[in-house]
């Protein structure tokens, strides 16, 4: 998911540099949403791993 967020970020930067502001805006929004989902899932998985490790002790 982080890979796709970075791909859309690059698309947004290239489109913005070429003057395609509508495409750049859409790609930026998609990149932000994907990065947000990545962060949420990452934090959830870290908390689950941490809690499973405590149960083992």
C-alpha atoms as a PDB file:
ATOM      1  CA  UNK A   1       0.000   0.000   0.000  1.00  0.00           C
ATOM      2  CA  UNK A   2       2.882   2.326   0.745  1.00  0.00           C
ATOM      3  CA  UNK A   3       4.258   1.539  -2.713  1.00  0.00           C
ATOM      4  CA  UNK A   4       1.022   2.701  -4.348  1.00  0.00           C
ATOM      5  CA  UNK A   5       0.973   5.863  -2.239  1.00  0.00           C
ATOM      6  CA  UNK A   6       4.497   6.689  -3.434  1.00  0.00           C
ATOM      7  CA  UNK A   7       3.530   5.966  -7.051  1.00  0.00           C
ATOM      8  CA  UNK A   8       0.573   8.356  -6.845  1.00  0.00           C
ATOM      9  CA  UNK A   9       2.806  10.946  -5.170  1.00  0.00           C
ATOM     10  CA  UNK A  10       5.236  10.770  -8.097  1.00  0.00           C
ATOM     11  CA  UNK A  11       2.349  10.986 -10.571  1.00  0.00           C
ATOM     12  CA  UNK A  12       1.068  14.041  -8.727  1.00  0.00           C
ATOM     13  CA  UNK A  13       4.476  15.737  -8.792  1.00  0.00           C
ATOM     14  CA  UNK A  14       5.036  15.044 -12.489  1.00  0.00           C
ATOM     15  CA  UNK A  15       1.521  16.142 -13.438  1.00  0.00           C
ATOM     16  CA  UNK A  16       1.900  19.310 -11.374  1.00  0.00           C
ATOM     17  CA  UNK A  17       5.229  20.117 -12.997  1.00  0.00           C
ATOM     18  CA  UNK A  18       3.681  19.673 -16.453  1.00  0.00           C
ATOM     19  CA  UNK A  19       0.701  21.890 -15.620  1.00  0.00           C
ATOM     20  CA  UNK A  20      -1.998  19.244 -15.269  1.00  0.00           C
ATOM     21  CA  UNK A  21      -3.347  20.597 -11.989  1.00  0.00           C
ATOM     22  CA  UNK A  22      -6.579  18.570 -12.014  1.00  0.00           C
ATOM     23  CA  UNK A  23      -4.744  15.284 -12.377  1.00  0.00           C
ATOM     24  CA  UNK A  24      -2.139  16.377  -9.825  1.00  0.00           C
ATOM     25  CA  UNK A  25      -4.842  17.214  -7.311  1.00  0.00           C
ATOM     26  CA  UNK A  26      -6.602  13.876  -7.784  1.00  0.00           C
ATOM     27  CA  UNK A  27      -3.373  11.893  -7.516  1.00  0.00           C
ATOM     28  CA  UNK A  28      -2.400  13.858  -4.394  1.00  0.00           C
ATOM     29  CA  UNK A  29      -5.712  13.019  -2.752  1.00  0.00           C
ATOM     30  CA  UNK A  30      -5.361   9.325  -3.567  1.00  0.00           C
ATOM     31  CA  UNK A  31      -1.788   9.316  -2.243  1.00  0.00           C
ATOM     32  CA  UNK A  32      -2.893  10.960   1.017  1.00  0.00           C
ATOM     33  CA  UNK A  33      -5.713   8.452   1.534  1.00  0.00           C
ATOM     34  CA  UNK A  34      -3.476   5.457   0.826  1.00  0.00           C
ATOM     35  CA  UNK A  35      -0.766   6.768   3.136  1.00  0.00           C
ATOM     36  CA  UNK A  36      -3.346   7.347   5.883  1.00  0.00           C
ATOM     37  CA  UNK A  37      -4.645   3.792   5.519  1.00  0.00           C
ATOM     38  CA  UNK A  38      -1.078   2.491   5.610  1.00  0.00           C
ATOM     39  CA  UNK A  39      -0.376   4.350   8.858  1.00  0.00           C
ATOM     40  CA  UNK A  40      -3.567   3.140  10.505  1.00  0.00           C
ATOM     41  CA  UNK A  41      -2.938  -0.498   9.529  1.00  0.00           C
ATOM     42  CA  UNK A  42       0.706  -0.235  10.575  1.00  0.00           C
ATOM     43  CA  UNK A  43      -0.208   1.074  14.031  1.00  0.00           C
ATOM     44  CA  UNK A  44      -2.887  -1.599  14.487  1.00  0.00           C
ATOM     45  CA  UNK A  45      -0.463  -4.365  13.523  1.00  0.00           C
ATOM     46  CA  UNK A  46       2.230  -3.002  15.844  1.00  0.00           C
ATOM     47  CA  UNK A  47      -0.249  -2.921  18.737  1.00  0.00           C
ATOM     48  CA  UNK A  48      -1.433  -6.462  17.979  1.00  0.00           C
ATOM     49  CA  UNK A  49       2.134  -7.764  17.819  1.00  0.00           C
ATOM     50  CA  UNK A  50       2.994  -5.965  21.041  1.00  0.00           C
ATOM     51  CA  UNK A  51      -0.041  -7.376  22.852  1.00  0.00           C
ATOM     52  CA  UNK A  52       0.631 -10.897  21.551  1.00  0.00           C
ATOM     53  CA  UNK A  53       4.209 -10.643  22.792  1.00  0.00           C
ATOM     54  CA  UNK A  54       3.043  -9.692  26.265  1.00  0.00           C
ATOM     55  CA  UNK A  55       0.686 -12.653  26.400  1.00  0.00           C
ATOM     56  CA  UNK A  56       3.542 -15.019  25.703  1.00  0.00           C
ATOM     57  CA  UNK A  57       5.462 -13.903  28.809  1.00  0.00           C
END
